[in-house]
Amino acid sequence: MLEKVSKRIRRHHRIRAKISGSALKPRLAVFRSNSNIYAQLIDDVSGKTLCSASDMKLKKGTKVEKALAVWQELAKKAVWVWINTCVFDRGWFMYIGRVKALADSARENGLQF
């Protein structure tokens, strides 16, 4: 178990060393727990979260459907802060399932990675 955790942490550090967000091109950070998914647009230069969304309030639907709903909510908020490009940060999560669904939905709805 300890080896699995250390691999996850190394993967996270490797990814974060390569990407960083700014006010013009923020970082789209995704966090996935067993039951929920969270996404936020972060300006790493100033250390501020520009907008965020989660599926905590959603009751119905599969986990993938909830991930798509999270993106729709985040897209509405991103329009208000004039964001149309970003850097995708999957964290230590593999690019499958809910994380992939959220990223694909973002691309389909006009966000450029």
PDB file of N, CA and C in Angstrom:
ATOM      1  N   MET A   1       0.827  -1.199   0.000  1.00  0.00           N
ATOM      2  CA  MET A   1       0.000   0.000   0.000  1.00  0.00           C
ATOM      3  C   MET A   1       0.863   1.251   0.000  1.00  0.00           C
ATOM      4  N   LEU A   2       1.943   1.212   0.756  1.00  0.00           N
ATOM      5  CA  LEU A   2       2.825   2.364   0.837  1.00  0.00           C
ATOM      6  C   LEU A   2       3.464   2.665  -0.516  1.00  0.00           C
ATOM      7  N   GLU A   3       3.814   1.632  -1.265  1.00  0.00           N
ATOM      8  CA  GLU A   3       4.404   1.827  -2.591  1.00  0.00           C
ATOM      9  C   GLU A   3       3.399   2.468  -3.549  1.00  0.00           C
ATOM     10  N   LYS A   4       2.142   2.072  -3.442  1.00  0.00           N
ATOM     11  CA  LYS A   4       1.099   2.634  -4.294  1.00  0.00           C
ATOM     12  C   LYS A   4       0.928   4.138  -4.030  1.00  0.00           C
ATOM     13  N   VAL A   5       0.948   4.520  -2.782  1.00  0.00           N
ATOM     14  CA  VAL A   5       0.799   5.926  -2.413  1.00  0.00           C
ATOM     15  C   VAL A   5       2.009   6.730  -2.885  1.00  0.00           C
ATOM     16  N   SER A   6       3.197   6.188  -2.710  1.00  0.00           N
ATOM     17  CA  SER A   6       4.390   6.923  -3.128  1.00  0.00           C
ATOM     18  C   SER A   6       4.434   7.090  -4.648  1.00  0.00           C
ATOM     19  N   LYS A   7       3.967   6.102  -5.395  1.00  0.00           N
ATOM     20  CA  LYS A   7       3.894   6.234  -6.856  1.00  0.00           C
ATOM     21  C   LYS A   7       2.903   7.322  -7.242  1.00  0.00           C
ATOM     22  N   ARG A   8       1.783   7.386  -6.540  1.00  0.00           N
ATOM     23  CA  ARG A   8       0.772   8.400  -6.819  1.00  0.00           C
ATOM     24  C   ARG A   8       1.325   9.789  -6.555  1.00  0.00           C
ATOM     25  N   ILE A   9       2.048   9.958  -5.466  1.00  0.00           N
ATOM     26  CA  ILE A   9       2.622  11.251  -5.120  1.00  0.00           C
ATOM     27  C   ILE A   9       3.693  11.652  -6.140  1.00  0.00           C
ATOM     28  N   ARG A  10       4.542  10.703  -6.558  1.00  0.00           N
ATOM     29  CA  ARG A  10       5.545  11.002  -7.575  1.00  0.00           C
ATOM     30  C   ARG A  10       4.891  11.406  -8.888  1.00  0.00           C
ATOM     31  N   ARG A  11       3.801  10.737  -9.256  1.00  0.00           N
ATOM     32  CA  ARG A  11       3.081  11.070 -10.486  1.00  0.00           C
ATOM     33  C   ARG A  11       2.522  12.494 -10.403  1.00  0.00           C
ATOM     34  N   HIS A  12       1.988  12.850  -9.253  1.00  0.00           N
ATOM     35  CA  HIS A  12       1.428  14.183  -9.062  1.00  0.00           C
ATOM     36  C   HIS A  12       2.512  15.257  -9.173  1.00  0.00           C
ATOM     37  N   HIS A  13       3.652  15.044  -8.545  1.00  0.00           N
ATOM     38  CA  HIS A  13       4.745  16.012  -8.612  1.00  0.00           C
ATOM     39  C   HIS A  13       5.284  16.141 -10.032  1.00  0.00           C
ATOM     40  N   ARG A  14       5.361  15.037 -10.757  1.00  0.00           N
ATOM     41  CA  ARG A  14       5.847  15.066 -12.131  1.00  0.00           C
ATOM     42  C   ARG A  14       4.922  15.903 -13.021  1.00  0.00           C
ATOM     43  N   ILE A  15       3.627  15.753 -12.833  1.00  0.00           N
ATOM     44  CA  ILE A  15       2.655  16.498 -13.631  1.00  0.00           C
ATOM     45  C   ILE A  15       2.691  17.975 -13.271  1.00  0.00           C
ATOM     46  N   ARG A  16       2.716  18.292 -11.974  1.00  0.00           N
ATOM     47  CA  ARG A  16       2.684  19.695 -11.539  1.00  0.00           C
ATOM     48  C   ARG A  16       3.969  20.433 -11.890  1.00  0.00           C
ATOM     49  N   ALA A  17       5.090  19.710 -12.062  1.00  0.00           N
ATOM     50  CA  ALA A  17       6.334  20.362 -12.455  1.00  0.00           C
ATOM     51  C   ALA A  17       6.251  20.869 -13.889  1.00  0.00           C
ATOM     52  N   LYS A  18       5.410  20.250 -14.701  1.00  0.00           N
ATOM     53  CA  LYS A  18       5.331  20.598 -16.118  1.00  0.00           C
ATOM     54  C   LYS A  18       4.276  21.652 -16.422  1.00  0.00           C
ATOM     55  N   ILE A  19       3.257  21.801 -15.586  1.00  0.00           N
ATOM     56  CA  ILE A  19       2.163  22.720 -15.910  1.00  0.00           C
ATOM     57  C   ILE A  19       1.989  23.757 -14.814  1.00  0.00           C
ATOM     58  N   SER A  20       1.542  24.932 -15.244  1.00  0.00           N
ATOM     59  CA  SER A  20       1.242  26.016 -14.320  1.00  0.00           C
ATOM     60  C   SER A  20       0.222  26.919 -14.992  1.00  0.00           C
ATOM     61  N   GLY A  21      -0.653  27.519 -14.204  1.00  0.00           N
ATOM     62  CA  GLY A  21      -1.682  28.382 -14.754  1.00  0.00           C
ATOM     63  C   GLY A  21      -1.375  29.843 -14.520  1.00  0.00           C
ATOM     64  N   SER A  22      -1.951  30.687 -15.358  1.00  0.00           N
ATOM     65  CA  SER A  22      -1.820  32.139 -15.207  1.00  0.00           C
ATOM     66  C   SER A  22      -3.213  32.740 -15.293  1.00  0.00           C
ATOM     67  N   ALA A  23      -3.296  34.053 -15.201  1.00  0.00           N
ATOM     68  CA  ALA A  23      -4.599  34.704 -15.274  1.00  0.00           C
ATOM     69  C   ALA A  23      -5.200  34.563 -16.670  1.00  0.00           C
ATOM     70  N   LEU A  24      -4.361  34.579 -17.711  1.00  0.00           N
ATOM     71  CA  LEU A  24      -4.855  34.445 -19.076  1.00  0.00           C
ATOM     72  C   LEU A  24      -5.130  32.993 -19.459  1.00  0.00           C
ATOM     73  N   LYS A  25      -4.350  32.082 -18.900  1.00  0.00           N
ATOM     74  CA  LYS A  25      -4.519  30.654 -19.197  1.00  0.00           C
ATOM     75  C   LYS A  25      -4.452  29.875 -17.877  1.00  0.00           C
ATOM     76  N   PRO A  26      -5.570  29.819 -17.143  1.00  0.00           N
ATOM     77  CA  PRO A  26      -5.548  29.179 -15.824  1.00  0.00           C
ATOM     78  C   PRO A  26      -5.451  27.659 -15.917  1.00  0.00           C
ATOM     79  N   ARG A  27      -5.193  27.051 -14.777  1.00  0.00           N
ATOM     80  CA  ARG A  27      -5.080  25.600 -14.685  1.00  0.00           C
ATOM     81  C   ARG A  27      -6.437  25.030 -14.285  1.00  0.00           C
ATOM     82  N   LEU A  28      -6.944  24.074 -15.067  1.00  0.00           N
ATOM     83  CA  LEU A  28      -8.184  23.375 -14.738  1.00  0.00           C
ATOM     84  C   LEU A  28      -7.812  22.151 -13.918  1.00  0.00           C
ATOM     85  N   ALA A  29      -7.940  22.253 -12.602  1.00  0.00           N
ATOM     86  CA  ALA A  29      -7.566  21.176 -11.692  1.00  0.00           C
ATOM     87  C   ALA A  29      -8.785  20.319 -11.395  1.00  0.00           C
ATOM     88  N   VAL A  30      -8.599  19.003 -11.461  1.00  0.00           N
ATOM     89  CA  VAL A  30      -9.677  18.050 -11.226  1.00  0.00           C
ATOM     90  C   VAL A  30      -9.320  17.199 -10.016  1.00  0.00           C
ATOM     91  N   PHE A  31     -10.269  17.053  -9.107  1.00  0.00           N
ATOM     92  CA  PHE A  31     -10.112  16.142  -7.980  1.00  0.00           C
ATOM     93  C   PHE A  31     -11.297  15.187  -7.977  1.00  0.00           C
ATOM     94  N   ARG A  32     -10.992  13.911  -7.854  1.00  0.00           N
ATOM     95  CA  ARG A  32     -12.024  12.894  -7.897  1.00  0.00           C
ATOM     96  C   ARG A  32     -11.945  12.056  -6.619  1.00  0.00           C
ATOM     97  N   SER A  33     -13.051  12.038  -5.875  1.00  0.00           N
ATOM     98  CA  SER A  33     -13.126  11.148  -4.723  1.00  0.00           C
ATOM     99  C   SER A  33     -13.966   9.936  -5.134  1.00  0.00           C
ATOM    100  N   ASN A  34     -14.226   9.051  -4.200  1.00  0.00           N
ATOM    101  CA  ASN A  34     -15.032   7.877  -4.535  1.00  0.00           C
ATOM    102  C   ASN A  34     -16.453   8.243  -4.918  1.00  0.00           C
ATOM    103  N   SER A  35     -16.986   9.292  -4.341  1.00  0.00           N
ATOM    104  CA  SER A  35     -18.384   9.635  -4.590  1.00  0.00           C
ATOM    105  C   SER A  35     -18.585  10.942  -5.340  1.00  0.00           C
ATOM    106  N   ASN A  36     -17.621  11.853  -5.335  1.00  0.00           N
ATOM    107  CA  ASN A  36     -17.802  13.172  -5.929  1.00  0.00           C
ATOM    108  C   ASN A  36     -16.647  13.537  -6.844  1.00  0.00           C
ATOM    109  N   ILE A  37     -16.868  14.587  -7.629  1.00  0.00           N
ATOM    110  CA  ILE A  37     -15.807  15.145  -8.476  1.00  0.00           C
ATOM    111  C   ILE A  37     -15.845  16.662  -8.341  1.00  0.00           C
ATOM    112  N   TYR A  38     -14.666  17.262  -8.319  1.00  0.00           N
ATOM    113  CA  TYR A  38     -14.530  18.699  -8.146  1.00  0.00           C
ATOM    114  C   TYR A  38     -13.624  19.231  -9.256  1.00  0.00           C
ATOM    115  N   ALA A  39     -13.914  20.427  -9.749  1.00  0.00           N
ATOM    116  CA  ALA A  39     -13.077  21.066 -10.759  1.00  0.00           C
ATOM    117  C   ALA A  39     -12.967  22.542 -10.424  1.00  0.00           C
ATOM    118  N   GLN A  40     -11.780  23.094 -10.659  1.00  0.00           N
ATOM    119  CA  GLN A  40     -11.604  24.517 -10.406  1.00  0.00           C
ATOM    120  C   GLN A  40     -10.567  25.088 -11.364  1.00  0.00           C
ATOM    121  N   LEU A  41     -10.755  26.342 -11.708  1.00  0.00           N
ATOM    122  CA  LEU A  41      -9.818  27.078 -12.546  1.00  0.00           C
ATOM    123  C   LEU A  41      -8.954  27.936 -11.625  1.00  0.00           C
ATOM    124  N   ILE A  42      -7.636  27.713 -11.688  1.00  0.00           N
ATOM    125  CA  ILE A  42      -6.716  28.315 -10.730  1.00  0.00           C
ATOM    126  C   ILE A  42      -5.677  29.165 -11.443  1.00  0.00           C
ATOM    127  N   ASP A  43      -5.443  30.365 -10.912  1.00  0.00           N
ATOM    128  CA  ASP A  43      -4.359  31.231 -11.351  1.00  0.00           C
ATOM    129  C   ASP A  43      -3.187  30.984 -10.406  1.00  0.00           C
ATOM    130  N   ASP A  44      -2.147  30.262 -10.875  1.00  0.00           N
ATOM    131  CA  ASP A  44      -1.031  29.904 -10.001  1.00  0.00           C
ATOM    132  C   ASP A  44      -0.101  31.075  -9.723  1.00  0.00           C
ATOM    133  N   VAL A  45      -0.103  32.089 -10.562  1.00  0.00           N
ATOM    134  CA  VAL A  45       0.767  33.240 -10.348  1.00  0.00           C
ATOM    135  C   VAL A  45       0.330  33.996  -9.092  1.00  0.00           C
ATOM    136  N   SER A  46      -0.971  34.265  -8.982  1.00  0.00           N
ATOM    137  CA  SER A  46      -1.471  34.979  -7.805  1.00  0.00           C
ATOM    138  C   SER A  46      -1.947  34.029  -6.709  1.00  0.00           C
ATOM    139  N   GLY A  47      -2.062  32.733  -7.021  1.00  0.00           N
ATOM    140  CA  GLY A  47      -2.482  31.759  -6.023  1.00  0.00           C
ATOM    141  C   GLY A  47      -3.958  31.824  -5.693  1.00  0.00           C
ATOM    142  N   LYS A  48      -4.776  32.197  -6.675  1.00  0.00           N
ATOM    143  CA  LYS A  48      -6.206  32.341  -6.431  1.00  0.00           C
ATOM    144  C   LYS A  48      -7.013  31.406  -7.318  1.00  0.00           C
ATOM    145  N   THR A  49      -8.141  30.954  -6.776  1.00  0.00           N
ATOM    146  CA  THR A  49      -9.095  30.167  -7.548  1.00  0.00           C
ATOM    147  C   THR A  49     -10.055  31.130  -8.232  1.00  0.00           C
ATOM    148  N   LEU A  50     -10.134  31.039  -9.563  1.00  0.00           N
ATOM    149  CA  LEU A  50     -10.986  31.944 -10.327  1.00  0.00           C
ATOM    150  C   LEU A  50     -12.444  31.507 -10.278  1.00  0.00           C
ATOM    151  N   CYS A  51     -12.711  30.214 -10.420  1.00  0.00           N
ATOM    152  CA  CYS A  51     -14.058  29.682 -10.274  1.00  0.00           C
ATOM    153  C   CYS A  51     -13.962  28.182 -10.022  1.00  0.00           C
ATOM    154  N   SER A  52     -15.006  27.632  -9.425  1.00  0.00           N
ATOM    155  CA  SER A  52     -14.991  26.209  -9.090  1.00  0.00           C
ATOM    156  C   SER A  52     -16.394  25.627  -9.178  1.00  0.00           C
ATOM    157  N   ALA A  53     -16.456  24.293  -9.258  1.00  0.00           N
ATOM    158  CA  ALA A  53     -17.740  23.596  -9.308  1.00  0.00           C
ATOM    159  C   ALA A  53     -17.542  22.182  -8.778  1.00  0.00           C
ATOM    160  N   SER A  54     -18.622  21.611  -8.248  1.00  0.00           N
ATOM    161  CA  SER A  54     -18.580  20.237  -7.769  1.00  0.00           C
ATOM    162  C   SER A  54     -19.957  19.609  -7.931  1.00  0.00           C
ATOM    163  N   ASP A  55     -20.025  18.307  -7.710  1.00  0.00           N
ATOM    164  CA  ASP A  55     -21.310  17.606  -7.832  1.00  0.00           C
ATOM    165  C   ASP A  55     -21.915  17.303  -6.461  1.00  0.00           C
ATOM    166  N   MET A  56     -21.554  18.069  -5.461  1.00  0.00           N
ATOM    167  CA  MET A  56     -22.074  17.834  -4.108  1.00  0.00           C
ATOM    168  C   MET A  56     -23.591  18.006  -4.038  1.00  0.00           C
ATOM    169  N   LYS A  57     -24.145  18.936  -4.822  1.00  0.00           N
ATOM    170  CA  LYS A  57     -25.577  19.216  -4.765  1.00  0.00           C
ATOM    171  C   LYS A  57     -26.395  18.301  -5.663  1.00  0.00           C
ATOM    172  N   LEU A  58     -25.739  17.601  -6.583  1.00  0.00           N
ATOM    173  CA  LEU A  58     -26.456  16.734  -7.516  1.00  0.00           C
ATOM    174  C   LEU A  58     -26.835  15.423  -6.838  1.00  0.00           C
ATOM    175  N   LYS A  59     -28.058  14.989  -7.058  1.00  0.00           N
ATOM    176  CA  LYS A  59     -28.528  13.761  -6.415  1.00  0.00           C
ATOM    177  C   LYS A  59     -28.716  12.614  -7.408  1.00  0.00           C
ATOM    178  N   LYS A  60     -29.149  12.938  -8.634  1.00  0.00           N
ATOM    179  CA  LYS A  60     -29.467  11.879  -9.591  1.00  0.00           C
ATOM    180  C   LYS A  60     -28.404  11.783 -10.671  1.00  0.00           C
ATOM    181  N   GLY A  61     -28.282  10.595 -11.243  1.00  0.00           N
ATOM    182  CA  GLY A  61     -27.376  10.378 -12.353  1.00  0.00           C
ATOM    183  C   GLY A  61     -26.188   9.524 -11.965  1.00  0.00           C
ATOM    184  N   THR A  62     -25.539   8.989 -12.996  1.00  0.00           N
ATOM    185  CA  THR A  62     -24.328   8.211 -12.764  1.00  0.00           C
ATOM    186  C   THR A  62     -23.171   9.155 -12.469  1.00  0.00           C
ATOM    187  N   LYS A  63     -22.044   8.595 -12.105  1.00  0.00           N
ATOM    188  CA  LYS A  63     -20.889   9.423 -11.779  1.00  0.00           C
ATOM    189  C   LYS A  63     -20.379  10.170 -13.013  1.00  0.00           C
ATOM    190  N   VAL A  64     -20.442   9.535 -14.179  1.00  0.00           N
ATOM    191  CA  VAL A  64     -20.008  10.198 -15.410  1.00  0.00           C
ATOM    192  C   VAL A  64     -20.970  11.331 -15.762  1.00  0.00           C
ATOM    193  N   GLU A  65     -22.266  11.113 -15.597  1.00  0.00           N
ATOM    194  CA  GLU A  65     -23.244  12.168 -15.865  1.00  0.00           C
ATOM    195  C   GLU A  65     -23.043  13.345 -14.916  1.00  0.00           C
ATOM    196  N   LYS A  66     -22.688  13.050 -13.685  1.00  0.00           N
ATOM    197  CA  LYS A  66     -22.410  14.122 -12.726  1.00  0.00           C
ATOM    198  C   LYS A  66     -21.162  14.898 -13.124  1.00  0.00           C
ATOM    199  N   ALA A  67     -20.149  14.209 -13.668  1.00  0.00           N
ATOM    200  CA  ALA A  67     -18.935  14.886 -14.129  1.00  0.00           C
ATOM    201  C   ALA A  67     -19.261  15.840 -15.269  1.00  0.00           C
ATOM    202  N   LEU A  68     -20.151  15.434 -16.162  1.00  0.00           N
ATOM    203  CA  LEU A  68     -20.558  16.314 -17.256  1.00  0.00           C
ATOM    204  C   LEU A  68     -21.317  17.527 -16.720  1.00  0.00           C
ATOM    205  N   ALA A  69     -22.138  17.316 -15.708  1.00  0.00           N
ATOM    206  CA  ALA A  69     -22.886  18.417 -15.100  1.00  0.00           C
ATOM    207  C   ALA A  69     -21.942  19.395 -14.396  1.00  0.00           C
ATOM    208  N   VAL A  70     -20.876  18.875 -13.796  1.00  0.00           N
ATOM    209  CA  VAL A  70     -19.884  19.734 -13.146  1.00  0.00           C
ATOM    210  C   VAL A  70     -19.238  20.644 -14.185  1.00  0.00           C
ATOM    211  N   TRP A  71     -18.900  20.080 -15.346  1.00  0.00           N
ATOM    212  CA  TRP A  71     -18.307  20.925 -16.378  1.00  0.00           C
ATOM    213  C   TRP A  71     -19.287  21.997 -16.836  1.00  0.00           C
ATOM    214  N   GLN A  72     -20.553  21.654 -17.018  1.00  0.00           N
ATOM    215  CA  GLN A  72     -21.535  22.643 -17.463  1.00  0.00           C
ATOM    216  C   GLN A  72     -21.650  23.788 -16.460  1.00  0.00           C
ATOM    217  N   GLU A  73     -21.623  23.452 -15.193  1.00  0.00           N
ATOM    218  CA  GLU A  73     -21.681  24.492 -14.150  1.00  0.00           C
ATOM    219  C   GLU A  73     -20.426  25.356 -14.171  1.00  0.00           C
ATOM    220  N   LEU A  74     -19.261  24.722 -14.350  1.00  0.00           N
ATOM    221  CA  LEU A  74     -18.002  25.459 -14.388  1.00  0.00           C
ATOM    222  C   LEU A  74     -17.925  26.330 -15.645  1.00  0.00           C
ATOM    223  N   ALA A  75     -18.464  25.855 -16.743  1.00  0.00           N
ATOM    224  CA  ALA A  75     -18.440  26.628 -17.990  1.00  0.00           C
ATOM    225  C   ALA A  75     -19.243  27.916 -17.842  1.00  0.00           C
ATOM    226  N   LYS A  76     -20.382  27.838 -17.166  1.00  0.00           N
ATOM    227  CA  LYS A  76     -21.189  29.043 -16.936  1.00  0.00           C
ATOM    228  C   LYS A  76     -20.410  30.070 -16.113  1.00  0.00           C
ATOM    229  N   LYS A  77     -19.672  29.586 -15.116  1.00  0.00           N
ATOM    230  CA  LYS A  77     -18.886  30.492 -14.279  1.00  0.00           C
ATOM    231  C   LYS A  77     -17.669  31.031 -15.032  1.00  0.00           C
ATOM    232  N   ALA A  78     -17.076  30.207 -15.913  1.00  0.00           N
ATOM    233  CA  ALA A  78     -15.887  30.631 -16.660  1.00  0.00           C
ATOM    234  C   ALA A  78     -16.216  31.733 -17.649  1.00  0.00           C
ATOM    235  N   VAL A  79     -17.441  31.746 -18.162  1.00  0.00           N
ATOM    236  CA  VAL A  79     -17.849  32.803 -19.084  1.00  0.00           C
ATOM    237  C   VAL A  79     -17.805  34.155 -18.385  1.00  0.00           C
ATOM    238  N   TRP A  80     -18.174  34.186 -17.121  1.00  0.00           N
ATOM    239  CA  TRP A  80     -18.195  35.451 -16.375  1.00  0.00           C
ATOM    240  C   TRP A  80     -16.802  36.004 -16.119  1.00  0.00           C
ATOM    241  N   VAL A  81     -15.791  35.144 -16.085  1.00  0.00           N
ATOM    242  CA  VAL A  81     -14.420  35.628 -15.869  1.00  0.00           C
ATOM    243  C   VAL A  81     -13.611  35.599 -17.168  1.00  0.00           C
ATOM    244  N   TRP A  82     -14.263  35.483 -18.310  1.00  0.00           N
ATOM    245  CA  TRP A  82     -13.675  35.581 -19.650  1.00  0.00           C
ATOM    246  C   TRP A  82     -12.576  34.550 -19.876  1.00  0.00           C
ATOM    247  N   ILE A  83     -12.851  33.294 -19.591  1.00  0.00           N
ATOM    248  CA  ILE A  83     -11.862  32.230 -19.789  1.00  0.00           C
ATOM    249  C   ILE A  83     -12.316  31.338 -20.940  1.00  0.00           C
ATOM    250  N   ASN A  84     -11.431  31.148 -21.941  1.00  0.00           N
ATOM    251  CA  ASN A  84     -11.732  30.210 -23.017  1.00  0.00           C
ATOM    252  C   ASN A  84     -10.571  29.268 -23.315  1.00  0.00           C
ATOM    253  N   THR A  85      -9.420  29.473 -22.668  1.00  0.00           N
ATOM    254  CA  THR A  85      -8.302  28.541 -22.776  1.00  0.00           C
ATOM    255  C   THR A  85      -7.803  28.213 -21.378  1.00  0.00           C
ATOM    256  N   CYS A  86      -7.252  27.028 -21.232  1.00  0.00           N
ATOM    257  CA  CYS A  86      -6.713  26.633 -19.929  1.00  0.00           C
ATOM    258  C   CYS A  86      -5.705  25.504 -20.111  1.00  0.00           C
ATOM    259  N   VAL A  87      -5.083  25.128 -19.012  1.00  0.00           N
ATOM    260  CA  VAL A  87      -4.168  23.995 -18.956  1.00  0.00           C
ATOM    261  C   VAL A  87      -4.849  22.927 -18.110  1.00  0.00           C
ATOM    262  N   PHE A  88      -4.955  21.702 -18.616  1.00  0.00           N
ATOM    263  CA  PHE A  88      -5.661  20.647 -17.906  1.00  0.00           C
ATOM    264  C   PHE A  88      -4.722  19.953 -16.926  1.00  0.00           C
ATOM    265  N   ASP A  89      -5.132  19.885 -15.664  1.00  0.00           N
ATOM    266  CA  ASP A  89      -4.359  19.229 -14.608  1.00  0.00           C
ATOM    267  C   ASP A  89      -5.187  18.086 -14.051  1.00  0.00           C
ATOM    268  N   ARG A  90      -4.815  16.863 -14.408  1.00  0.00           N
ATOM    269  CA  ARG A  90      -5.558  15.704 -13.938  1.00  0.00           C
ATOM    270  C   ARG A  90      -5.101  15.250 -12.556  1.00  0.00           C
ATOM    271  N   GLY A  91      -4.092  15.911 -12.025  1.00  0.00           N
ATOM    272  CA  GLY A  91      -3.577  15.518 -10.716  1.00  0.00           C
ATOM    273  C   GLY A  91      -2.918  14.159 -10.785  1.00  0.00           C
ATOM    274  N   TRP A  92      -3.165  13.314  -9.809  1.00  0.00           N
ATOM    275  CA  TRP A  92      -2.594  11.975  -9.833  1.00  0.00           C
ATOM    276  C   TRP A  92      -3.566  10.950 -10.400  1.00  0.00           C
ATOM    277  N   PHE A  93      -4.695  11.416 -10.930  1.00  0.00           N
ATOM    278  CA  PHE A  93      -5.719  10.509 -11.432  1.00  0.00           C
ATOM    279  C   PHE A  93      -5.433  10.121 -12.877  1.00  0.00           C
ATOM    280  N   MET A  94      -5.708   8.873 -13.190  1.00  0.00           N
ATOM    281  CA  MET A  94      -5.531   8.402 -14.557  1.00  0.00           C
ATOM    282  C   MET A  94      -6.574   9.052 -15.458  1.00  0.00           C
ATOM    283  N   TYR A  95      -6.233   9.213 -16.720  1.00  0.00           N
ATOM    284  CA  TYR A  95      -7.104   9.900 -17.675  1.00  0.00           C
ATOM    285  C   TYR A  95      -8.121   8.907 -18.253  1.00  0.00           C
ATOM    286  N   ILE A  96      -9.017   8.440 -17.399  1.00  0.00           N
ATOM    287  CA  ILE A  96     -10.091   7.539 -17.808  1.00  0.00           C
ATOM    288  C   ILE A  96     -11.339   7.886 -17.006  1.00  0.00           C
ATOM    289  N   GLY A  97     -12.476   7.389 -17.438  1.00  0.00           N
ATOM    290  CA  GLY A  97     -13.714   7.518 -16.682  1.00  0.00           C
ATOM    291  C   GLY A  97     -14.184   8.941 -16.532  1.00  0.00           C
ATOM    292  N   ARG A  98     -14.413   9.339 -15.286  1.00  0.00           N
ATOM    293  CA  ARG A  98     -14.971  10.664 -14.993  1.00  0.00           C
ATOM    294  C   ARG A  98     -14.031  11.796 -15.372  1.00  0.00           C
ATOM    295  N   VAL A  99     -12.742  11.597 -15.191  1.00  0.00           N
ATOM    296  CA  VAL A  99     -11.769  12.633 -15.534  1.00  0.00           C
ATOM    297  C   VAL A  99     -11.765  12.859 -17.047  1.00  0.00           C
ATOM    298  N   LYS A 100     -11.781  11.787 -17.814  1.00  0.00           N
ATOM    299  CA  LYS A 100     -11.818  11.886 -19.276  1.00  0.00           C
ATOM    300  C   LYS A 100     -13.132  12.491 -19.743  1.00  0.00           C
ATOM    301  N   ALA A 101     -14.240  12.114 -19.123  1.00  0.00           N
ATOM    302  CA  ALA A 101     -15.550  12.657 -19.505  1.00  0.00           C
ATOM    303  C   ALA A 101     -15.595  14.159 -19.269  1.00  0.00           C
ATOM    304  N   LEU A 102     -15.049  14.625 -18.156  1.00  0.00           N
ATOM    305  CA  LEU A 102     -15.028  16.056 -17.871  1.00  0.00           C
ATOM    306  C   LEU A 102     -14.165  16.797 -18.889  1.00  0.00           C
ATOM    307  N   ALA A 103     -13.003  16.252 -19.230  1.00  0.00           N
ATOM    308  CA  ALA A 103     -12.116  16.902 -20.199  1.00  0.00           C
ATOM    309  C   ALA A 103     -12.736  16.919 -21.597  1.00  0.00           C
ATOM    310  N   ASP A 104     -13.333  15.813 -22.011  1.00  0.00           N
ATOM    311  CA  ASP A 104     -13.964  15.758 -23.333  1.00  0.00           C
ATOM    312  C   ASP A 104     -15.134  16.723 -23.427  1.00  0.00           C
ATOM    313  N   SER A 105     -15.906  16.815 -22.386  1.00  0.00           N
ATOM    314  CA  SER A 105     -17.034  17.743 -22.359  1.00  0.00           C
ATOM    315  C   SER A 105     -16.548  19.185 -22.436  1.00  0.00           C
ATOM    316  N   ALA A 106     -15.441  19.474 -21.777  1.00  0.00           N
ATOM    317  CA  ALA A 106     -14.870  20.814 -21.821  1.00  0.00           C
ATOM    318  C   ALA A 106     -14.445  21.175 -23.235  1.00  0.00           C
ATOM    319  N   ARG A 107     -13.813  20.229 -23.909  1.00  0.00           N
ATOM    320  CA  ARG A 107     -13.365  20.478 -25.292  1.00  0.00           C
ATOM    321  C   ARG A 107     -14.549  20.661 -26.225  1.00  0.00           C
ATOM    322  N   GLU A 108     -15.569  19.840 -26.069  1.00  0.00           N
ATOM    323  CA  GLU A 108     -16.753  19.925 -26.932  1.00  0.00           C
ATOM    324  C   GLU A 108     -17.484  21.248 -26.769  1.00  0.00           C
ATOM    325  N   ASN A 109     -17.438  21.817 -25.567  1.00  0.00           N
ATOM    326  CA  ASN A 109     -18.155  23.050 -25.300  1.00  0.00           C
ATOM    327  C   ASN A 109     -17.305  24.308 -25.462  1.00  0.00           C
ATOM    328  N   GLY A 110     -16.155  24.186 -26.115  1.00  0.00           N
ATOM    329  CA  GLY A 110     -15.409  25.364 -26.503  1.00  0.00           C
ATOM    330  C   GLY A 110     -14.173  25.709 -25.715  1.00  0.00           C
ATOM    331  N   LEU A 111     -13.853  24.999 -24.654  1.00  0.00           N
ATOM    332  CA  LEU A 111     -12.638  25.300 -23.898  1.00  0.00           C
ATOM    333  C   LEU A 111     -11.461  24.653 -24.612  1.00  0.00           C
ATOM    334  N   GLN A 112     -10.374  25.393 -24.759  1.00  0.00           N
ATOM    335  CA  GLN A 112      -9.192  24.886 -25.462  1.00  0.00           C
ATOM    336  C   GLN A 112      -8.114  24.572 -24.448  1.00  0.00           C
ATOM    337  N   PHE A 113      -7.546  23.373 -24.581  1.00  0.00           N
ATOM    338  CA  PHE A 113      -6.436  22.966 -23.704  1.00  0.00           C
ATOM    339  C   PHE A 113      -5.122  23.219 -24.418  1.00  0.00           C
TER     340      PHE A 113
END
